[in-house]
Amino acid sequence: MFIYGQVLLIDMSTTDNKTSKYSTNTTKDAATATGAANNVTRIVDAANENFTKLVNEAGKVQPQYAQAISNLQQEYIEAVRNAIQTITSVEKQFANSNSGNFNNVVISDTAAPYVQGFVKQSNDFTNNIIRIADINNQLTINALNALRENVKNANRTVEATAEFNSNMARAWATSYSAVQQQFATRGE
């Protein structure tokens, strides 16, 4: 619209019509304005089509990315679980070994009360970490949901702004035509 308005102003200043320097009633001016409007429309349509293609292509690949990331996370979880089980299994073998080489690794029976306390503290510590992780996960999920709502609100804002600008463009075009007609009738 801004470009369209500039084209009209340029055309009005170079018109060959002798009746008024503000007159745009000539066939040449109307053809130039229509051509300029068509050019702007073609550019905007091409931009719309190209941006839509880019977004659609990104939308096609997004589920594959999400699945690949999920698969990687699952594989990582399985690898960590396997590593923990393997390491603790080897440690148990060392502790249960009757070989003389590993007797200094085994904890004596006199340390049994301390072992119970250590196991309890370890369990409590693990449960606390799980609770912290649950809270952190819920906060993250809530933040992502809030972000999603913000994106929805931004989209609605863009739509409302576009509607406002469209209404403003129609009002400008209507008033611009009326002003042109006033100047045309004054010049006659």
N, C-alpha and C. Protein backbone atom coordinates (compact mmCIF):
# COMPACT_ATOMS: atom_id res chain seq x y z
N MET A 1 0.82 -1.18 0.00
CA MET A 1 0.00 0.00 0.00
C MET A 1 0.87 1.24 0.00
N PHE A 2 1.94 1.25 0.78
CA PHE A 2 2.84 2.39 0.83
C PHE A 2 3.48 2.61 -0.54
N ILE A 3 3.90 1.51 -1.15
CA ILE A 3 4.49 1.59 -2.48
C ILE A 3 3.43 2.09 -3.46
N TYR A 4 2.24 1.57 -3.34
CA TYR A 4 1.14 1.97 -4.20
C TYR A 4 0.89 3.47 -4.08
N GLY A 5 0.91 3.98 -2.86
CA GLY A 5 0.72 5.40 -2.64
C GLY A 5 1.84 6.23 -3.24
N GLN A 6 3.09 5.76 -3.16
CA GLN A 6 4.21 6.48 -3.75
C GLN A 6 4.09 6.52 -5.26
N VAL A 7 3.70 5.41 -5.84
CA VAL A 7 3.55 5.36 -7.29
C VAL A 7 2.51 6.37 -7.74
N LEU A 8 1.41 6.44 -7.02
CA LEU A 8 0.37 7.40 -7.38
C LEU A 8 0.88 8.83 -7.27
N LEU A 9 1.64 9.13 -6.22
CA LEU A 9 2.17 10.47 -6.06
C LEU A 9 3.12 10.81 -7.20
N ILE A 10 3.96 9.89 -7.58
CA ILE A 10 4.89 10.12 -8.69
C ILE A 10 4.12 10.34 -9.97
N ASP A 11 3.11 9.50 -10.22
CA ASP A 11 2.31 9.63 -11.43
C ASP A 11 1.56 10.96 -11.45
N MET A 12 1.07 11.40 -10.31
CA MET A 12 0.31 12.64 -10.27
C MET A 12 1.21 13.82 -10.60
N SER A 13 2.45 13.78 -10.21
CA SER A 13 3.34 14.92 -10.45
C SER A 13 3.83 14.95 -11.89
N THR A 14 3.75 13.85 -12.62
CA THR A 14 4.24 13.82 -13.99
C THR A 14 3.12 13.72 -15.01
N THR A 15 1.90 13.96 -14.61
CA THR A 15 0.77 13.82 -15.52
C THR A 15 0.81 14.88 -16.62
N ASP A 16 0.30 14.49 -17.77
CA ASP A 16 0.24 15.39 -18.91
C ASP A 16 -1.10 16.11 -19.00
N ASN A 17 -1.99 15.86 -18.07
CA ASN A 17 -3.30 16.47 -18.09
C ASN A 17 -3.16 17.96 -17.76
N LYS A 18 -3.71 18.83 -18.59
CA LYS A 18 -3.55 20.28 -18.45
C LYS A 18 -4.56 20.89 -17.48
N THR A 19 -5.62 20.16 -17.13
CA THR A 19 -6.67 20.77 -16.31
C THR A 19 -6.24 20.97 -14.88
N SER A 20 -5.48 20.02 -14.31
CA SER A 20 -5.08 20.15 -12.91
C SER A 20 -3.85 19.31 -12.68
N LYS A 21 -2.94 19.82 -11.88
CA LYS A 21 -1.75 19.02 -11.58
C LYS A 21 -2.06 17.86 -10.63
N TYR A 22 -3.26 17.86 -10.01
CA TYR A 22 -3.65 16.79 -9.10
C TYR A 22 -4.54 15.75 -9.75
N SER A 23 -4.86 15.89 -10.99
CA SER A 23 -5.80 15.00 -11.65
C SER A 23 -5.15 13.64 -11.91
N THR A 24 -5.88 12.59 -11.63
CA THR A 24 -5.41 11.23 -11.93
C THR A 24 -6.45 10.50 -12.77
N ASN A 25 -7.25 11.22 -13.48
CA ASN A 25 -8.33 10.62 -14.25
C ASN A 25 -7.90 10.13 -15.61
N THR A 26 -6.65 10.32 -15.98
CA THR A 26 -6.22 9.90 -17.30
C THR A 26 -6.06 8.40 -17.34
N THR A 27 -6.14 7.85 -18.52
CA THR A 27 -6.01 6.40 -18.72
C THR A 27 -4.60 5.95 -18.36
N LYS A 28 -3.62 6.78 -18.70
CA LYS A 28 -2.23 6.44 -18.40
C LYS A 28 -2.01 6.29 -16.89
N ASP A 29 -2.55 7.21 -16.11
CA ASP A 29 -2.39 7.15 -14.66
C ASP A 29 -3.07 5.92 -14.07
N ALA A 30 -4.24 5.61 -14.55
CA ALA A 30 -4.97 4.45 -14.04
C ALA A 30 -4.23 3.16 -14.39
N ALA A 31 -3.68 3.08 -15.59
CA ALA A 31 -2.94 1.88 -15.99
C ALA A 31 -1.68 1.73 -15.16
N THR A 32 -0.98 2.84 -14.92
CA THR A 32 0.24 2.79 -14.11
C THR A 32 -0.07 2.35 -12.69
N ALA A 33 -1.12 2.91 -12.11
CA ALA A 33 -1.51 2.54 -10.74
C ALA A 33 -1.91 1.08 -10.66
N THR A 34 -2.67 0.61 -11.65
CA THR A 34 -3.09 -0.79 -11.66
C THR A 34 -1.88 -1.70 -11.81
N GLY A 35 -0.96 -1.33 -12.69
CA GLY A 35 0.26 -2.13 -12.87
C GLY A 35 1.09 -2.18 -11.61
N ALA A 36 1.22 -1.04 -10.93
CA ALA A 36 1.99 -1.00 -9.68
C ALA A 36 1.32 -1.86 -8.62
N ALA A 37 0.01 -1.77 -8.52
CA ALA A 37 -0.71 -2.59 -7.54
C ALA A 37 -0.55 -4.07 -7.86
N ASN A 38 -0.59 -4.43 -9.13
CA ASN A 38 -0.40 -5.83 -9.52
C ASN A 38 1.01 -6.31 -9.18
N ASN A 39 2.00 -5.44 -9.39
CA ASN A 39 3.38 -5.82 -9.05
C ASN A 39 3.53 -6.07 -7.55
N VAL A 40 2.97 -5.19 -6.75
CA VAL A 40 3.04 -5.36 -5.29
C VAL A 40 2.32 -6.64 -4.89
N THR A 41 1.17 -6.89 -5.48
CA THR A 41 0.41 -8.10 -5.17
C THR A 41 1.22 -9.36 -5.52
N ARG A 42 1.87 -9.33 -6.66
CA ARG A 42 2.68 -10.50 -7.06
C ARG A 42 3.83 -10.73 -6.10
N ILE A 43 4.49 -9.65 -5.66
CA ILE A 43 5.60 -9.78 -4.72
C ILE A 43 5.12 -10.33 -3.39
N VAL A 44 4.02 -9.79 -2.89
CA VAL A 44 3.49 -10.23 -1.60
C VAL A 44 3.01 -11.68 -1.69
N ASP A 45 2.36 -12.04 -2.80
CA ASP A 45 1.92 -13.43 -2.97
C ASP A 45 3.11 -14.39 -3.03
N ALA A 46 4.18 -13.99 -3.72
CA ALA A 46 5.38 -14.85 -3.80
C ALA A 46 6.01 -15.00 -2.41
N ALA A 47 6.10 -13.90 -1.66
CA ALA A 47 6.66 -13.98 -0.31
C ALA A 47 5.82 -14.88 0.58
N ASN A 48 4.50 -14.74 0.49
CA ASN A 48 3.59 -15.58 1.27
C ASN A 48 3.79 -17.05 0.93
N GLU A 49 3.83 -17.34 -0.36
CA GLU A 49 3.98 -18.72 -0.80
C GLU A 49 5.33 -19.31 -0.36
N ASN A 50 6.39 -18.54 -0.50
CA ASN A 50 7.72 -19.05 -0.14
C ASN A 50 7.88 -19.24 1.36
N PHE A 51 7.41 -18.29 2.16
CA PHE A 51 7.50 -18.46 3.61
C PHE A 51 6.65 -19.64 4.07
N THR A 52 5.48 -19.80 3.47
CA THR A 52 4.61 -20.93 3.82
C THR A 52 5.29 -22.25 3.47
N LYS A 53 5.95 -22.32 2.32
CA LYS A 53 6.69 -23.53 1.95
C LYS A 53 7.77 -23.86 2.98
N LEU A 54 8.51 -22.84 3.40
CA LEU A 54 9.58 -23.06 4.39
C LEU A 54 9.03 -23.59 5.71
N VAL A 55 7.94 -22.99 6.17
CA VAL A 55 7.33 -23.43 7.42
C VAL A 55 6.78 -24.84 7.28
N ASN A 56 6.15 -25.14 6.16
CA ASN A 56 5.62 -26.49 5.94
C ASN A 56 6.72 -27.54 5.91
N GLU A 57 7.85 -27.22 5.29
CA GLU A 57 8.98 -28.16 5.27
C GLU A 57 9.52 -28.40 6.67
N ALA A 58 9.62 -27.33 7.46
CA ALA A 58 10.07 -27.49 8.85
C ALA A 58 9.07 -28.33 9.63
N GLY A 59 7.79 -28.14 9.36
CA GLY A 59 6.74 -28.91 10.04
C GLY A 59 6.79 -30.38 9.68
N LYS A 60 7.20 -30.71 8.45
CA LYS A 60 7.29 -32.11 8.04
C LYS A 60 8.40 -32.84 8.79
N VAL A 61 9.51 -32.16 9.03
CA VAL A 61 10.69 -32.79 9.61
C VAL A 61 10.63 -32.82 11.14
N GLN A 62 9.89 -31.90 11.74
CA GLN A 62 9.86 -31.79 13.20
C GLN A 62 9.50 -33.09 13.90
N PRO A 63 8.48 -33.85 13.47
CA PRO A 63 8.20 -35.11 14.16
C PRO A 63 9.35 -36.11 14.08
N GLN A 64 10.08 -36.10 12.97
CA GLN A 64 11.23 -37.00 12.84
C GLN A 64 12.33 -36.61 13.81
N TYR A 65 12.58 -35.29 13.95
CA TYR A 65 13.56 -34.82 14.92
C TYR A 65 13.15 -35.22 16.34
N ALA A 66 11.89 -34.99 16.65
CA ALA A 66 11.40 -35.32 17.99
C ALA A 66 11.56 -36.82 18.27
N GLN A 67 11.24 -37.66 17.29
CA GLN A 67 11.37 -39.10 17.47
C GLN A 67 12.84 -39.50 17.60
N ALA A 68 13.72 -38.90 16.79
CA ALA A 68 15.15 -39.22 16.87
C ALA A 68 15.72 -38.83 18.23
N ILE A 69 15.31 -37.68 18.75
CA ILE A 69 15.78 -37.24 20.07
C ILE A 69 15.25 -38.18 21.14
N SER A 70 13.98 -38.55 21.04
CA SER A 70 13.39 -39.48 22.00
C SER A 70 14.12 -40.83 21.97
N ASN A 71 14.41 -41.33 20.77
CA ASN A 71 15.13 -42.60 20.65
C ASN A 71 16.52 -42.50 21.27
N LEU A 72 17.21 -41.39 21.04
CA LEU A 72 18.53 -41.19 21.62
C LEU A 72 18.45 -41.15 23.14
N GLN A 73 17.46 -40.46 23.68
CA GLN A 73 17.29 -40.40 25.13
C GLN A 73 17.03 -41.79 25.71
N GLN A 74 16.17 -42.56 25.05
CA GLN A 74 15.88 -43.93 25.53
C GLN A 74 17.13 -44.79 25.50
N GLU A 75 17.92 -44.67 24.43
CA GLU A 75 19.15 -45.44 24.31
C GLU A 75 20.13 -45.04 25.41
N TYR A 76 20.22 -43.75 25.69
CA TYR A 76 21.10 -43.26 26.75
C TYR A 76 20.66 -43.80 28.11
N ILE A 77 19.36 -43.79 28.38
CA ILE A 77 18.84 -44.30 29.65
C ILE A 77 19.17 -45.79 29.80
N GLU A 78 18.98 -46.55 28.73
CA GLU A 78 19.30 -47.99 28.77
C GLU A 78 20.79 -48.21 28.99
N ALA A 79 21.63 -47.38 28.35
CA ALA A 79 23.08 -47.53 28.51
C ALA A 79 23.50 -47.22 29.96
N VAL A 80 22.92 -46.18 30.54
CA VAL A 80 23.25 -45.84 31.94
C VAL A 80 22.77 -46.93 32.88
N ARG A 81 21.54 -47.43 32.66
CA ARG A 81 20.99 -48.51 33.49
C ARG A 81 21.90 -49.74 33.41
N ASN A 82 22.32 -50.09 32.21
CA ASN A 82 23.19 -51.25 32.01
C ASN A 82 24.54 -51.04 32.69
N ALA A 83 25.09 -49.84 32.57
CA ALA A 83 26.39 -49.54 33.20
C ALA A 83 26.28 -49.67 34.72
N ILE A 84 25.20 -49.15 35.29
CA ILE A 84 25.02 -49.24 36.75
C ILE A 84 24.92 -50.71 37.19
N GLN A 85 24.11 -51.48 36.48
CA GLN A 85 23.94 -52.89 36.84
C GLN A 85 25.24 -53.67 36.69
N THR A 86 25.99 -53.36 35.64
CA THR A 86 27.27 -54.07 35.43
C THR A 86 28.28 -53.71 36.51
N ILE A 87 28.40 -52.45 36.82
CA ILE A 87 29.36 -52.00 37.83
C ILE A 87 29.02 -52.57 39.19
N THR A 88 27.74 -52.52 39.59
CA THR A 88 27.37 -53.04 40.91
C THR A 88 27.50 -54.56 40.96
N SER A 89 27.27 -55.21 39.85
CA SER A 89 27.45 -56.67 39.80
C SER A 89 28.91 -57.03 40.03
N VAL A 90 29.82 -56.31 39.40
CA VAL A 90 31.25 -56.58 39.57
C VAL A 90 31.66 -56.30 41.02
N GLU A 91 31.16 -55.22 41.60
CA GLU A 91 31.48 -54.89 42.99
C GLU A 91 31.01 -55.99 43.93
N LYS A 92 29.81 -56.51 43.68
CA LYS A 92 29.30 -57.61 44.51
C LYS A 92 30.20 -58.84 44.38
N GLN A 93 30.66 -59.11 43.19
CA GLN A 93 31.55 -60.26 42.99
C GLN A 93 32.84 -60.07 43.78
N PHE A 94 33.38 -58.86 43.78
CA PHE A 94 34.59 -58.60 44.56
C PHE A 94 34.32 -58.82 46.05
N ALA A 95 33.17 -58.29 46.52
CA ALA A 95 32.86 -58.38 47.95
C ALA A 95 32.59 -59.82 48.37
N ASN A 96 31.97 -60.62 47.53
CA ASN A 96 31.62 -62.00 47.88
C ASN A 96 32.74 -62.99 47.59
N SER A 97 33.78 -62.51 47.03
CA SER A 97 34.89 -63.39 46.69
C SER A 97 35.59 -63.85 47.97
N ASN A 98 35.90 -65.14 48.03
CA ASN A 98 36.61 -65.68 49.18
C ASN A 98 38.11 -65.61 48.99
N SER A 99 38.48 -65.00 47.90
CA SER A 99 39.91 -64.91 47.60
C SER A 99 40.58 -64.00 48.61
N GLY A 100 41.77 -64.33 48.96
CA GLY A 100 42.53 -63.55 49.93
C GLY A 100 42.88 -62.17 49.42
N ASN A 101 42.84 -61.97 48.14
CA ASN A 101 43.22 -60.68 47.58
C ASN A 101 42.20 -59.59 47.88
N PHE A 102 40.96 -59.95 48.15
CA PHE A 102 39.92 -58.94 48.30
C PHE A 102 39.40 -58.82 49.72
N ASN A 103 40.03 -59.47 50.70
CA ASN A 103 39.54 -59.40 52.08
C ASN A 103 39.61 -57.99 52.64
N ASN A 104 40.55 -57.18 52.17
CA ASN A 104 40.65 -55.82 52.71
C ASN A 104 39.55 -54.90 52.16
N VAL A 105 38.80 -55.34 51.10
CA VAL A 105 37.71 -54.55 50.55
C VAL A 105 36.42 -54.82 51.33
N VAL A 106 36.28 -56.02 51.90
CA VAL A 106 35.06 -56.42 52.59
C VAL A 106 34.96 -55.65 53.91
N ILE A 107 33.73 -55.18 54.22
CA ILE A 107 33.47 -54.45 55.46
C ILE A 107 33.18 -55.47 56.55
N SER A 108 33.79 -55.29 57.67
CA SER A 108 33.66 -56.26 58.76
C SER A 108 32.27 -56.18 59.41
N ASP A 109 31.93 -57.22 60.21
CA ASP A 109 30.64 -57.28 60.89
C ASP A 109 30.49 -56.19 61.95
N THR A 110 31.58 -55.70 62.45
CA THR A 110 31.49 -54.63 63.46
C THR A 110 30.98 -53.33 62.86
N ALA A 111 31.06 -53.21 61.54
CA ALA A 111 30.59 -51.99 60.88
C ALA A 111 29.13 -52.10 60.47
N ALA A 112 28.45 -53.21 60.80
CA ALA A 112 27.07 -53.44 60.37
C ALA A 112 26.12 -52.30 60.75
N PRO A 113 26.15 -51.74 61.96
CA PRO A 113 25.23 -50.64 62.28
C PRO A 113 25.46 -49.42 61.38
N TYR A 114 26.69 -49.20 61.02
CA TYR A 114 27.01 -48.06 60.16
C TYR A 114 26.53 -48.31 58.73
N VAL A 115 26.55 -49.58 58.36
CA VAL A 115 26.09 -49.94 57.01
C VAL A 115 24.59 -49.65 56.90
N GLN A 116 23.83 -50.03 57.96
CA GLN A 116 22.40 -49.76 57.93
C GLN A 116 22.13 -48.26 57.84
N GLY A 117 22.87 -47.47 58.58
CA GLY A 117 22.71 -46.01 58.54
C GLY A 117 23.07 -45.46 57.16
N PHE A 118 24.15 -46.00 56.59
CA PHE A 118 24.57 -45.55 55.27
C PHE A 118 23.52 -45.89 54.21
N VAL A 119 22.96 -47.10 54.29
CA VAL A 119 21.94 -47.52 53.34
C VAL A 119 20.70 -46.64 53.48
N LYS A 120 20.29 -46.35 54.72
CA LYS A 120 19.13 -45.49 54.95
C LYS A 120 19.38 -44.09 54.41
N GLN A 121 20.55 -43.52 54.70
CA GLN A 121 20.86 -42.19 54.18
C GLN A 121 20.92 -42.18 52.65
N SER A 122 21.46 -43.23 52.09
CA SER A 122 21.53 -43.33 50.64
C SER A 122 20.13 -43.40 50.03
N ASN A 123 19.25 -44.19 50.65
CA ASN A 123 17.86 -44.28 50.16
C ASN A 123 17.14 -42.94 50.31
N ASP A 124 17.32 -42.28 51.47
CA ASP A 124 16.70 -40.97 51.68
C ASP A 124 17.21 -39.95 50.66
N PHE A 125 18.52 -39.96 50.44
CA PHE A 125 19.12 -39.04 49.47
C PHE A 125 18.55 -39.28 48.07
N THR A 126 18.44 -40.55 47.69
CA THR A 126 17.90 -40.91 46.38
C THR A 126 16.44 -40.47 46.25
N ASN A 127 15.66 -40.71 47.30
CA ASN A 127 14.24 -40.30 47.27
C ASN A 127 14.11 -38.78 47.18
N ASN A 128 14.99 -38.05 47.87
CA ASN A 128 14.97 -36.59 47.78
C ASN A 128 15.32 -36.11 46.37
N ILE A 129 16.29 -36.75 45.75
CA ILE A 129 16.66 -36.39 44.38
C ILE A 129 15.49 -36.66 43.44
N ILE A 130 14.81 -37.78 43.65
CA ILE A 130 13.64 -38.09 42.81
C ILE A 130 12.56 -37.04 42.99
N ARG A 131 12.31 -36.61 44.22
CA ARG A 131 11.30 -35.57 44.46
C ARG A 131 11.71 -34.25 43.80
N ILE A 132 12.99 -33.90 43.91
CA ILE A 132 13.50 -32.67 43.28
C ILE A 132 13.33 -32.77 41.76
N ALA A 133 13.66 -33.93 41.20
CA ALA A 133 13.52 -34.12 39.75
C ALA A 133 12.06 -34.02 39.33
N ASP A 134 11.15 -34.59 40.14
CA ASP A 134 9.72 -34.50 39.83
C ASP A 134 9.24 -33.05 39.83
N ILE A 135 9.67 -32.29 40.83
CA ILE A 135 9.29 -30.88 40.91
C ILE A 135 9.87 -30.12 39.72
N ASN A 136 11.15 -30.37 39.43
CA ASN A 136 11.80 -29.71 38.29
C ASN A 136 11.10 -30.07 36.99
N ASN A 137 10.76 -31.32 36.81
CA ASN A 137 10.06 -31.74 35.59
C ASN A 137 8.71 -31.06 35.47
N GLN A 138 7.97 -30.97 36.58
CA GLN A 138 6.66 -30.31 36.54
C GLN A 138 6.81 -28.83 36.22
N LEU A 139 7.82 -28.18 36.82
CA LEU A 139 8.05 -26.76 36.51
C LEU A 139 8.41 -26.58 35.04
N THR A 140 9.23 -27.46 34.51
CA THR A 140 9.61 -27.37 33.10
C THR A 140 8.40 -27.57 32.19
N ILE A 141 7.58 -28.56 32.51
CA ILE A 141 6.37 -28.81 31.71
C ILE A 141 5.44 -27.60 31.79
N ASN A 142 5.27 -27.04 32.98
CA ASN A 142 4.42 -25.85 33.13
C ASN A 142 4.99 -24.67 32.33
N ALA A 143 6.31 -24.50 32.35
CA ALA A 143 6.94 -23.42 31.59
C ALA A 143 6.74 -23.62 30.09
N LEU A 144 6.87 -24.85 29.62
CA LEU A 144 6.65 -25.13 28.20
C LEU A 144 5.19 -24.90 27.81
N ASN A 145 4.27 -25.29 28.68
CA ASN A 145 2.85 -25.03 28.41
C ASN A 145 2.55 -23.53 28.39
N ALA A 146 3.17 -22.78 29.31
CA ALA A 146 2.99 -21.32 29.33
C ALA A 146 3.58 -20.70 28.06
N LEU A 147 4.73 -21.21 27.64
CA LEU A 147 5.34 -20.71 26.41
C LEU A 147 4.46 -21.00 25.21
N ARG A 148 3.86 -22.17 25.19
CA ARG A 148 2.93 -22.53 24.10
C ARG A 148 1.75 -21.57 24.08
N GLU A 149 1.20 -21.25 25.24
CA GLU A 149 0.10 -20.29 25.32
C GLU A 149 0.54 -18.91 24.84
N ASN A 150 1.78 -18.52 25.17
CA ASN A 150 2.29 -17.24 24.71
C ASN A 150 2.41 -17.21 23.18
N VAL A 151 2.81 -18.32 22.58
CA VAL A 151 2.89 -18.39 21.13
C VAL A 151 1.49 -18.26 20.53
N LYS A 152 0.50 -18.91 21.15
CA LYS A 152 -0.88 -18.78 20.69
C LYS A 152 -1.34 -17.32 20.78
N ASN A 153 -1.01 -16.67 21.90
CA ASN A 153 -1.39 -15.27 22.08
C ASN A 153 -0.69 -14.38 21.05
N ALA A 154 0.57 -14.65 20.78
CA ALA A 154 1.29 -13.88 19.77
C ALA A 154 0.64 -14.06 18.40
N ASN A 155 0.22 -15.27 18.10
CA ASN A 155 -0.45 -15.53 16.83
C ASN A 155 -1.76 -14.75 16.73
N ARG A 156 -2.52 -14.74 17.82
CA ARG A 156 -3.77 -13.97 17.81
C ARG A 156 -3.48 -12.47 17.67
N THR A 157 -2.39 -12.00 18.29
CA THR A 157 -2.01 -10.59 18.17
C THR A 157 -1.66 -10.25 16.73
N VAL A 158 -0.92 -11.14 16.07
CA VAL A 158 -0.58 -10.91 14.66
C VAL A 158 -1.84 -10.83 13.82
N GLU A 159 -2.78 -11.73 14.05
CA GLU A 159 -4.04 -11.71 13.30
C GLU A 159 -4.81 -10.42 13.54
N ALA A 160 -4.87 -9.98 14.80
CA ALA A 160 -5.60 -8.75 15.12
C ALA A 160 -4.89 -7.54 14.50
N THR A 161 -3.57 -7.53 14.54
CA THR A 161 -2.82 -6.43 13.94
C THR A 161 -3.03 -6.40 12.43
N ALA A 162 -3.03 -7.57 11.81
CA ALA A 162 -3.26 -7.64 10.36
C ALA A 162 -4.65 -7.12 10.02
N GLU A 163 -5.65 -7.49 10.81
CA GLU A 163 -7.01 -7.01 10.57
C GLU A 163 -7.08 -5.49 10.73
N PHE A 164 -6.43 -4.97 11.78
CA PHE A 164 -6.39 -3.52 12.00
C PHE A 164 -5.73 -2.82 10.83
N ASN A 165 -4.58 -3.33 10.38
CA ASN A 165 -3.87 -2.71 9.26
C ASN A 165 -4.68 -2.79 7.98
N SER A 166 -5.37 -3.88 7.78
CA SER A 166 -6.22 -4.02 6.60
C SER A 166 -7.35 -3.00 6.63
N ASN A 167 -7.97 -2.84 7.78
CA ASN A 167 -9.03 -1.84 7.93
C ASN A 167 -8.48 -0.43 7.71
N MET A 168 -7.29 -0.17 8.23
CA MET A 168 -6.66 1.13 8.06
C MET A 168 -6.33 1.38 6.59
N ALA A 169 -5.87 0.34 5.88
CA ALA A 169 -5.56 0.49 4.45
C ALA A 169 -6.82 0.80 3.66
N ARG A 170 -7.91 0.12 3.98
CA ARG A 170 -9.18 0.40 3.28
C ARG A 170 -9.63 1.83 3.56
N ALA A 171 -9.52 2.25 4.81
CA ALA A 171 -9.93 3.62 5.16
C ALA A 171 -9.03 4.64 4.46
N TRP A 172 -7.74 4.37 4.40
CA TRP A 172 -6.81 5.28 3.73
C TRP A 172 -7.13 5.36 2.24
N ALA A 173 -7.37 4.21 1.62
CA ALA A 173 -7.68 4.20 0.19
C ALA A 173 -8.96 4.96 -0.09
N THR A 174 -9.96 4.80 0.76
CA THR A 174 -11.23 5.49 0.58
C THR A 174 -11.04 7.00 0.73
N SER A 175 -10.35 7.41 1.77
CA SER A 175 -10.16 8.84 1.99
C SER A 175 -9.22 9.44 0.95
N TYR A 176 -8.24 8.70 0.49
CA TYR A 176 -7.32 9.17 -0.53
C TYR A 176 -8.07 9.43 -1.84
N SER A 177 -8.95 8.50 -2.20
CA SER A 177 -9.76 8.68 -3.41
C SER A 177 -10.64 9.91 -3.28
N ALA A 178 -11.23 10.11 -2.12
CA ALA A 178 -12.10 11.27 -1.91
C ALA A 178 -11.31 12.56 -2.03
N VAL A 179 -10.09 12.60 -1.48
CA VAL A 179 -9.26 13.79 -1.56
C VAL A 179 -8.86 14.05 -3.00
N GLN A 180 -8.52 13.00 -3.73
CA GLN A 180 -8.16 13.16 -5.14
C GLN A 180 -9.33 13.74 -5.93
N GLN A 181 -10.53 13.26 -5.66
CA GLN A 181 -11.70 13.77 -6.37
C GLN A 181 -11.95 15.24 -6.05
N GLN A 182 -11.71 15.63 -4.79
CA GLN A 182 -11.89 17.03 -4.41
C GLN A 182 -10.91 17.91 -5.16
N PHE A 183 -9.66 17.51 -5.23
CA PHE A 183 -8.67 18.30 -5.93
C PHE A 183 -8.95 18.34 -7.43
N ALA A 184 -9.46 17.23 -7.96
CA ALA A 184 -9.77 17.17 -9.38
C ALA A 184 -10.91 18.13 -9.71
N THR A 185 -11.94 18.18 -8.85
CA THR A 185 -13.08 19.05 -9.12
C THR A 185 -12.70 20.52 -8.89
N ARG A 186 -11.79 20.84 -8.01
CA ARG A 186 -11.34 22.22 -7.78
C ARG A 186 -10.55 22.75 -8.97
N GLY A 187 -9.79 21.85 -9.58
CA GLY A 187 -8.95 22.27 -10.69
C GLY A 187 -9.72 22.51 -11.95
N GLU A 188 -10.94 22.04 -12.07
CA GLU A 188 -11.73 22.18 -13.30
C GLU A 188 -12.40 23.51 -13.42
